[in-house]
């Protein structure tokens, strides 16, 4: 399955000694330096995932704040990190399975935020599918999708 950050497959080779010598073992995407695999005791994994979620939320807020026009409305919603994670996972799974299609059939898809929504769009023809992503509960409703047709 492709990395959710860079869309590349990552292969890791580790010795048993190194792998089992730590209470928490993290593997990261070499392109983004972001942790993508957590191995260890459940409590330590949960704590590390929570720490990463906070970092991503902070980064998302900074990116949105930096990208705003000074005259723009100050009530623009920050995307819910859990909603984004759920939808990003769904979209990457559908993409890997060839279950996303558009009028030009290019297979080149990307994601972008629009207020309280997340769009998957074709980089070639601009066709899109919009997911309401204001809350994690809203995003979970989409998990039943088995394909997406961009329009």
N, C-alpha and C. Protein backbone atom coordinates (compact mmCIF):
# COMPACT_ATOMS: atom_id res chain seq x y z
N UNK A 1 0.85 -1.18 0.00
CA UNK A 1 0.00 0.00 0.00
C UNK A 1 0.89 1.24 0.00
N UNK A 2 0.57 2.23 -0.81
CA UNK A 2 1.41 3.44 -0.88
C UNK A 2 1.34 4.24 0.42
N UNK A 3 2.41 4.94 0.71
CA UNK A 3 2.49 5.84 1.86
C UNK A 3 1.43 6.93 1.71
N UNK A 4 0.75 7.27 2.80
CA UNK A 4 -0.30 8.28 2.72
C UNK A 4 0.26 9.69 2.54
N UNK A 5 1.56 9.86 2.72
CA UNK A 5 2.16 11.17 2.59
C UNK A 5 2.81 11.42 1.23
N UNK A 6 3.53 10.43 0.73
CA UNK A 6 4.28 10.64 -0.53
C UNK A 6 3.82 9.75 -1.67
N UNK A 7 2.90 8.83 -1.39
CA UNK A 7 2.34 7.91 -2.39
C UNK A 7 3.33 6.88 -2.91
N UNK A 8 4.46 6.73 -2.26
CA UNK A 8 5.44 5.73 -2.66
C UNK A 8 5.33 4.53 -1.72
N UNK A 9 5.73 3.35 -2.21
CA UNK A 9 5.82 2.19 -1.34
C UNK A 9 7.18 2.24 -0.66
N UNK A 10 7.22 1.94 0.62
CA UNK A 10 8.47 1.93 1.37
C UNK A 10 8.77 0.51 1.83
N UNK A 11 9.99 0.09 1.65
CA UNK A 11 10.44 -1.21 2.13
C UNK A 11 11.48 -0.98 3.20
N UNK A 12 11.36 -1.70 4.30
CA UNK A 12 12.30 -1.58 5.40
C UNK A 12 12.86 -2.96 5.70
N UNK A 13 14.15 -3.03 5.93
CA UNK A 13 14.81 -4.27 6.34
C UNK A 13 15.48 -4.01 7.67
N UNK A 14 15.09 -4.79 8.68
CA UNK A 14 15.61 -4.59 10.03
C UNK A 14 16.05 -5.92 10.62
N UNK A 15 17.06 -5.88 11.46
CA UNK A 15 17.47 -7.10 12.15
C UNK A 15 16.53 -7.36 13.31
N UNK A 16 16.40 -8.63 13.69
CA UNK A 16 15.56 -8.99 14.84
C UNK A 16 16.03 -8.28 16.10
N UNK A 17 17.33 -8.21 16.28
CA UNK A 17 17.90 -7.58 17.47
C UNK A 17 17.47 -6.12 17.57
N UNK A 18 17.60 -5.39 16.50
CA UNK A 18 17.22 -3.99 16.50
C UNK A 18 15.71 -3.83 16.70
N UNK A 19 14.94 -4.63 15.99
CA UNK A 19 13.49 -4.51 16.03
C UNK A 19 12.93 -4.78 17.42
N UNK A 20 13.42 -5.80 18.10
CA UNK A 20 12.88 -6.20 19.39
C UNK A 20 13.59 -5.55 20.58
N UNK A 21 14.57 -4.69 20.33
CA UNK A 21 15.33 -4.09 21.43
C UNK A 21 14.67 -2.84 22.00
N UNK A 22 13.62 -2.34 21.40
CA UNK A 22 13.00 -1.10 21.84
C UNK A 22 11.56 -1.33 22.26
N UNK A 23 11.07 -0.48 23.19
CA UNK A 23 9.68 -0.54 23.62
C UNK A 23 8.75 0.03 22.55
N UNK A 24 9.27 0.95 21.77
CA UNK A 24 8.51 1.57 20.68
C UNK A 24 9.44 1.73 19.49
N UNK A 25 9.02 1.22 18.37
CA UNK A 25 9.83 1.29 17.16
C UNK A 25 9.04 2.05 16.10
N UNK A 26 9.64 3.08 15.52
CA UNK A 26 8.98 3.92 14.53
C UNK A 26 9.70 3.81 13.20
N UNK A 27 8.92 3.70 12.13
CA UNK A 27 9.46 3.74 10.78
C UNK A 27 8.86 4.97 10.11
N UNK A 28 9.70 5.70 9.38
CA UNK A 28 9.16 6.91 8.79
C UNK A 28 9.36 6.95 7.29
N UNK A 29 8.57 7.82 6.67
CA UNK A 29 8.66 8.07 5.24
C UNK A 29 9.97 8.84 5.01
N UNK A 30 10.86 8.33 4.17
CA UNK A 30 12.14 9.01 3.96
C UNK A 30 12.00 10.34 3.21
N UNK A 31 10.88 10.55 2.54
CA UNK A 31 10.69 11.79 1.78
C UNK A 31 10.12 12.91 2.64
N UNK A 32 9.25 12.56 3.59
CA UNK A 32 8.61 13.58 4.42
C UNK A 32 9.09 13.57 5.86
N UNK A 33 9.89 12.55 6.22
CA UNK A 33 10.37 12.37 7.59
C UNK A 33 9.21 12.30 8.58
N UNK A 34 8.11 11.68 8.16
CA UNK A 34 6.93 11.52 8.99
C UNK A 34 6.78 10.06 9.37
N UNK A 35 6.49 9.80 10.64
CA UNK A 35 6.31 8.43 11.09
C UNK A 35 5.09 7.81 10.43
N UNK A 36 5.26 6.63 9.84
CA UNK A 36 4.16 5.96 9.14
C UNK A 36 3.88 4.57 9.70
N UNK A 37 4.74 4.08 10.59
CA UNK A 37 4.54 2.75 11.17
C UNK A 37 4.99 2.78 12.62
N UNK A 38 4.15 2.26 13.50
CA UNK A 38 4.43 2.24 14.93
C UNK A 38 4.35 0.79 15.40
N UNK A 39 5.41 0.32 16.03
CA UNK A 39 5.44 -1.05 16.54
C UNK A 39 5.89 -1.01 17.98
N UNK A 40 5.14 -1.68 18.87
CA UNK A 40 5.53 -1.71 20.27
C UNK A 40 4.35 -1.96 21.16
N UNK A 41 4.51 -1.57 22.41
CA UNK A 41 3.44 -1.73 23.39
C UNK A 41 2.29 -0.78 23.05
N UNK A 42 1.06 -1.27 23.24
CA UNK A 42 -0.12 -0.51 22.85
C UNK A 42 -0.16 0.88 23.47
N UNK A 43 0.14 1.00 24.76
CA UNK A 43 0.10 2.30 25.42
C UNK A 43 1.09 3.28 24.80
N UNK A 44 2.27 2.80 24.48
CA UNK A 44 3.30 3.67 23.89
C UNK A 44 2.92 4.08 22.47
N UNK A 45 2.31 3.15 21.73
CA UNK A 45 1.85 3.47 20.38
C UNK A 45 0.77 4.53 20.44
N UNK A 46 -0.20 4.34 21.33
CA UNK A 46 -1.29 5.33 21.46
C UNK A 46 -0.74 6.72 21.80
N UNK A 47 0.22 6.77 22.72
CA UNK A 47 0.81 8.06 23.10
C UNK A 47 1.53 8.70 21.92
N UNK A 48 2.25 7.91 21.14
CA UNK A 48 2.98 8.45 19.99
C UNK A 48 2.01 8.92 18.90
N UNK A 49 0.95 8.15 18.66
CA UNK A 49 -0.05 8.55 17.67
C UNK A 49 -0.72 9.85 18.11
N UNK A 50 -1.04 9.96 19.39
CA UNK A 50 -1.65 11.19 19.90
C UNK A 50 -0.71 12.38 19.72
N UNK A 51 0.57 12.17 20.00
CA UNK A 51 1.56 13.24 19.81
C UNK A 51 1.63 13.66 18.34
N UNK A 52 1.62 12.68 17.44
CA UNK A 52 1.66 12.98 16.00
C UNK A 52 0.41 13.72 15.56
N UNK A 53 -0.76 13.32 16.08
CA UNK A 53 -2.01 14.00 15.72
C UNK A 53 -1.96 15.46 16.13
N UNK A 54 -1.42 15.74 17.32
CA UNK A 54 -1.31 17.12 17.78
C UNK A 54 -0.37 17.92 16.88
N UNK A 55 0.73 17.30 16.47
CA UNK A 55 1.67 17.98 15.58
C UNK A 55 1.02 18.29 14.23
N UNK A 56 0.26 17.31 13.69
CA UNK A 56 -0.41 17.53 12.41
C UNK A 56 -1.48 18.60 12.52
N UNK A 57 -2.22 18.61 13.61
CA UNK A 57 -3.25 19.64 13.80
C UNK A 57 -2.61 21.02 13.86
N UNK A 58 -1.49 21.12 14.58
CA UNK A 58 -0.78 22.40 14.68
C UNK A 58 -0.27 22.83 13.30
N UNK A 59 0.31 21.88 12.56
CA UNK A 59 0.82 22.19 11.23
C UNK A 59 -0.31 22.62 10.30
N UNK A 60 -1.45 21.90 10.35
CA UNK A 60 -2.59 22.26 9.50
C UNK A 60 -3.09 23.67 9.82
N UNK A 61 -3.17 23.99 11.10
CA UNK A 61 -3.60 25.33 11.50
C UNK A 61 -2.64 26.39 11.00
N UNK A 62 -1.33 26.12 11.11
CA UNK A 62 -0.33 27.08 10.64
C UNK A 62 -0.41 27.26 9.12
N UNK A 63 -0.57 26.16 8.40
CA UNK A 63 -0.67 26.25 6.95
C UNK A 63 -1.91 27.02 6.51
N UNK A 64 -3.01 26.76 7.19
CA UNK A 64 -4.25 27.47 6.85
C UNK A 64 -4.11 28.94 7.20
N UNK A 65 -3.55 29.22 8.37
CA UNK A 65 -3.37 30.62 8.80
C UNK A 65 -2.44 31.36 7.84
N UNK A 66 -1.34 30.71 7.44
CA UNK A 66 -0.40 31.34 6.53
C UNK A 66 -0.98 31.52 5.13
N UNK A 67 -1.90 30.66 4.74
CA UNK A 67 -2.47 30.71 3.41
C UNK A 67 -3.66 31.63 3.28
N UNK A 68 -4.14 32.15 4.40
CA UNK A 68 -5.31 33.04 4.36
C UNK A 68 -4.94 34.42 3.89
N UNK A 69 -5.86 35.00 3.16
CA UNK A 69 -5.75 36.41 2.78
C UNK A 69 -6.10 37.23 4.02
N UNK A 70 -5.38 38.30 4.29
CA UNK A 70 -5.63 39.09 5.49
C UNK A 70 -7.04 39.64 5.53
N UNK A 71 -7.66 39.84 4.37
CA UNK A 71 -9.01 40.35 4.33
C UNK A 71 -10.05 39.24 4.37
N UNK A 72 -9.59 37.98 4.36
CA UNK A 72 -10.53 36.86 4.34
C UNK A 72 -11.28 36.77 5.66
N UNK A 73 -12.41 36.14 5.60
CA UNK A 73 -13.24 35.97 6.79
C UNK A 73 -12.48 35.16 7.84
N UNK A 74 -12.53 35.59 9.08
CA UNK A 74 -11.76 34.94 10.13
C UNK A 74 -12.41 33.67 10.64
N UNK A 75 -13.62 33.34 10.21
CA UNK A 75 -14.30 32.15 10.72
C UNK A 75 -14.11 30.92 9.83
N UNK A 76 -13.09 30.92 8.97
CA UNK A 76 -12.84 29.76 8.13
C UNK A 76 -12.54 28.57 9.02
N UNK A 77 -13.18 27.43 8.75
CA UNK A 77 -13.03 26.25 9.58
C UNK A 77 -11.71 25.54 9.33
N UNK A 78 -11.09 25.08 10.40
CA UNK A 78 -9.90 24.25 10.29
C UNK A 78 -10.37 22.82 10.10
N UNK A 79 -9.83 22.09 9.12
CA UNK A 79 -10.27 20.72 8.90
C UNK A 79 -9.96 19.84 10.11
N UNK A 80 -10.87 18.94 10.41
CA UNK A 80 -10.69 18.00 11.50
C UNK A 80 -9.63 16.98 11.10
N UNK A 81 -8.59 16.84 11.91
CA UNK A 81 -7.47 15.95 11.58
C UNK A 81 -7.94 14.51 11.46
N UNK A 82 -8.81 14.06 12.36
CA UNK A 82 -9.31 12.69 12.30
C UNK A 82 -10.16 12.46 11.05
N UNK A 83 -10.95 13.46 10.66
CA UNK A 83 -11.74 13.34 9.44
C UNK A 83 -10.81 13.24 8.23
N UNK A 84 -9.78 14.06 8.21
CA UNK A 84 -8.82 14.01 7.11
C UNK A 84 -8.14 12.65 7.05
N UNK A 85 -7.70 12.13 8.20
CA UNK A 85 -7.03 10.83 8.22
C UNK A 85 -7.93 9.74 7.67
N UNK A 86 -9.20 9.73 8.09
CA UNK A 86 -10.14 8.71 7.63
C UNK A 86 -10.35 8.80 6.13
N UNK A 87 -10.60 10.01 5.63
CA UNK A 87 -10.84 10.18 4.19
C UNK A 87 -9.58 9.94 3.37
N UNK A 88 -8.46 10.38 3.85
CA UNK A 88 -7.20 10.15 3.14
C UNK A 88 -6.95 8.65 3.01
N UNK A 89 -7.17 7.91 4.09
CA UNK A 89 -7.01 6.45 4.05
C UNK A 89 -7.95 5.84 3.01
N UNK A 90 -9.23 6.23 3.05
CA UNK A 90 -10.21 5.71 2.10
C UNK A 90 -9.80 6.01 0.67
N UNK A 91 -9.43 7.24 0.40
CA UNK A 91 -9.08 7.66 -0.96
C UNK A 91 -7.84 6.91 -1.45
N UNK A 92 -6.84 6.77 -0.60
CA UNK A 92 -5.62 6.06 -1.00
C UNK A 92 -5.89 4.58 -1.25
N UNK A 93 -6.79 3.98 -0.46
CA UNK A 93 -7.17 2.58 -0.67
C UNK A 93 -7.90 2.43 -2.01
N UNK A 94 -8.87 3.30 -2.26
CA UNK A 94 -9.61 3.24 -3.53
C UNK A 94 -8.68 3.48 -4.71
N UNK A 95 -7.77 4.41 -4.56
CA UNK A 95 -6.82 4.72 -5.63
C UNK A 95 -5.92 3.51 -5.90
N UNK A 96 -5.42 2.89 -4.84
CA UNK A 96 -4.54 1.72 -5.00
C UNK A 96 -5.27 0.55 -5.66
N UNK A 97 -6.58 0.44 -5.40
CA UNK A 97 -7.39 -0.64 -5.98
C UNK A 97 -7.95 -0.28 -7.36
N UNK A 98 -7.63 0.91 -7.85
CA UNK A 98 -8.14 1.33 -9.16
C UNK A 98 -9.63 1.61 -9.14
N UNK A 99 -10.15 2.05 -8.00
CA UNK A 99 -11.59 2.27 -7.83
C UNK A 99 -11.98 3.74 -7.90
N UNK A 100 -11.08 4.59 -8.39
CA UNK A 100 -11.41 5.99 -8.63
C UNK A 100 -11.31 6.20 -10.13
N UNK A 101 -12.33 6.85 -10.69
CA UNK A 101 -12.32 7.10 -12.13
C UNK A 101 -12.82 8.50 -12.40
N UNK A 102 -12.43 9.02 -13.56
CA UNK A 102 -12.84 10.35 -13.99
C UNK A 102 -13.05 10.33 -15.51
N UNK A 103 -13.57 11.40 -16.08
CA UNK A 103 -13.82 11.42 -17.52
C UNK A 103 -12.59 11.15 -18.39
N UNK A 104 -11.40 11.57 -17.97
CA UNK A 104 -10.22 11.36 -18.81
C UNK A 104 -9.47 10.07 -18.47
N UNK A 105 -9.84 9.40 -17.38
CA UNK A 105 -9.25 8.11 -16.97
C UNK A 105 -7.73 8.18 -16.80
N UNK A 106 -7.20 9.33 -16.38
CA UNK A 106 -5.74 9.49 -16.27
C UNK A 106 -5.14 8.73 -15.09
N UNK A 107 -5.90 8.61 -14.01
CA UNK A 107 -5.37 7.94 -12.82
C UNK A 107 -4.48 8.82 -11.98
N UNK A 108 -4.42 10.12 -12.28
CA UNK A 108 -3.58 11.06 -11.51
C UNK A 108 -4.49 11.90 -10.61
N UNK A 109 -4.61 11.49 -9.34
CA UNK A 109 -5.53 12.14 -8.42
C UNK A 109 -4.78 12.76 -7.25
N UNK A 110 -5.36 13.81 -6.70
CA UNK A 110 -4.77 14.46 -5.54
C UNK A 110 -5.89 14.95 -4.63
N UNK A 111 -5.52 15.48 -3.46
CA UNK A 111 -6.48 15.96 -2.46
C UNK A 111 -6.28 17.44 -2.20
N UNK A 112 -7.37 18.12 -1.82
CA UNK A 112 -7.27 19.52 -1.39
C UNK A 112 -8.43 19.83 -0.45
N UNK A 113 -8.19 20.80 0.46
CA UNK A 113 -9.22 21.26 1.38
C UNK A 113 -10.00 22.40 0.76
N UNK A 114 -11.29 22.43 1.03
CA UNK A 114 -12.14 23.56 0.68
C UNK A 114 -13.05 23.81 1.87
N UNK A 115 -12.80 24.86 2.63
CA UNK A 115 -13.54 25.16 3.87
C UNK A 115 -13.64 23.91 4.73
N UNK A 116 -14.84 23.35 4.91
CA UNK A 116 -15.00 22.18 5.78
C UNK A 116 -15.18 20.90 4.96
N UNK A 117 -14.56 20.85 3.79
CA UNK A 117 -14.66 19.67 2.94
C UNK A 117 -13.28 19.27 2.43
N UNK A 118 -13.22 18.05 1.92
CA UNK A 118 -12.01 17.54 1.31
C UNK A 118 -12.40 17.07 -0.08
N UNK A 119 -11.65 17.49 -1.08
CA UNK A 119 -11.93 17.10 -2.46
C UNK A 119 -10.83 16.18 -2.96
N UNK A 120 -11.25 15.15 -3.69
CA UNK A 120 -10.30 14.38 -4.47
C UNK A 120 -10.53 14.87 -5.90
N UNK A 121 -9.46 15.16 -6.63
CA UNK A 121 -9.62 15.71 -7.97
C UNK A 121 -8.61 15.11 -8.93
N UNK A 122 -8.94 15.14 -10.19
CA UNK A 122 -8.04 14.66 -11.24
C UNK A 122 -7.12 15.81 -11.63
N UNK A 123 -5.82 15.53 -11.63
CA UNK A 123 -4.84 16.54 -11.99
C UNK A 123 -4.89 16.89 -13.47
N UNK A 124 -5.43 16.01 -14.29
CA UNK A 124 -5.48 16.23 -15.74
C UNK A 124 -6.72 17.00 -16.17
N UNK A 125 -7.92 16.48 -15.83
CA UNK A 125 -9.15 17.09 -16.36
C UNK A 125 -9.89 17.97 -15.35
N UNK A 126 -9.47 17.93 -14.05
CA UNK A 126 -10.09 18.78 -13.04
C UNK A 126 -11.37 18.23 -12.45
N UNK A 127 -11.82 17.06 -12.89
CA UNK A 127 -13.02 16.46 -12.31
C UNK A 127 -12.79 16.24 -10.83
N UNK A 128 -13.87 16.30 -10.02
CA UNK A 128 -13.69 16.20 -8.58
C UNK A 128 -14.85 15.48 -7.90
N UNK A 129 -14.59 15.05 -6.69
CA UNK A 129 -15.59 14.47 -5.81
C UNK A 129 -15.36 15.12 -4.45
N UNK A 130 -16.41 15.66 -3.84
CA UNK A 130 -16.27 16.40 -2.59
C UNK A 130 -16.82 15.59 -1.42
N UNK A 131 -16.00 15.48 -0.36
CA UNK A 131 -16.40 14.82 0.87
C UNK A 131 -16.61 15.89 1.94
N UNK A 132 -17.78 15.86 2.62
CA UNK A 132 -17.96 16.73 3.78
C UNK A 132 -17.04 16.21 4.86
N UNK A 133 -16.16 17.05 5.38
CA UNK A 133 -15.15 16.57 6.34
C UNK A 133 -15.07 17.46 7.56
N UNK A 134 -16.18 18.00 7.99
CA UNK A 134 -16.16 18.87 9.15
C UNK A 134 -15.89 18.10 10.44
N UNK A 135 -16.35 16.85 10.50
CA UNK A 135 -16.14 16.04 11.70
C UNK A 135 -15.72 14.63 11.32
N UNK A 136 -15.11 13.94 12.27
CA UNK A 136 -14.71 12.55 12.05
C UNK A 136 -15.93 11.67 11.80
N UNK A 137 -17.03 11.94 12.49
CA UNK A 137 -18.25 11.14 12.30
C UNK A 137 -18.76 11.26 10.86
N UNK A 138 -18.70 12.46 10.30
CA UNK A 138 -19.11 12.64 8.91
C UNK A 138 -18.22 11.84 7.97
N UNK A 139 -16.93 11.85 8.23
CA UNK A 139 -16.01 11.15 7.34
C UNK A 139 -16.21 9.64 7.39
N UNK A 140 -16.58 9.10 8.54
CA UNK A 140 -16.77 7.66 8.68
C UNK A 140 -17.95 7.15 7.85
N UNK A 141 -18.91 8.02 7.55
CA UNK A 141 -20.05 7.63 6.72
C UNK A 141 -19.60 7.22 5.32
N UNK A 142 -18.49 7.73 4.86
CA UNK A 142 -17.99 7.45 3.52
C UNK A 142 -17.25 6.11 3.43
N UNK A 143 -16.94 5.48 4.54
CA UNK A 143 -16.17 4.25 4.52
C UNK A 143 -16.87 3.11 3.78
N UNK A 144 -18.17 3.23 3.58
CA UNK A 144 -18.92 2.20 2.86
C UNK A 144 -18.74 2.32 1.34
N UNK A 145 -18.16 3.41 0.85
CA UNK A 145 -17.95 3.58 -0.59
C UNK A 145 -16.98 2.52 -1.11
N UNK A 146 -17.32 1.93 -2.26
CA UNK A 146 -16.40 0.97 -2.85
C UNK A 146 -15.81 1.49 -4.16
N UNK A 147 -16.24 2.69 -4.58
CA UNK A 147 -15.65 3.33 -5.74
C UNK A 147 -16.09 4.80 -5.76
N UNK A 148 -15.36 5.60 -6.55
CA UNK A 148 -15.69 7.03 -6.67
C UNK A 148 -15.61 7.40 -8.15
N UNK A 149 -16.61 8.11 -8.61
CA UNK A 149 -16.62 8.63 -9.99
C UNK A 149 -16.51 10.15 -9.88
N UNK A 150 -15.39 10.70 -10.36
CA UNK A 150 -15.19 12.15 -10.33
C UNK A 150 -15.95 12.79 -11.47
N UNK A 151 -16.53 13.95 -11.21
CA UNK A 151 -17.31 14.66 -12.24
C UNK A 151 -16.91 16.11 -12.28
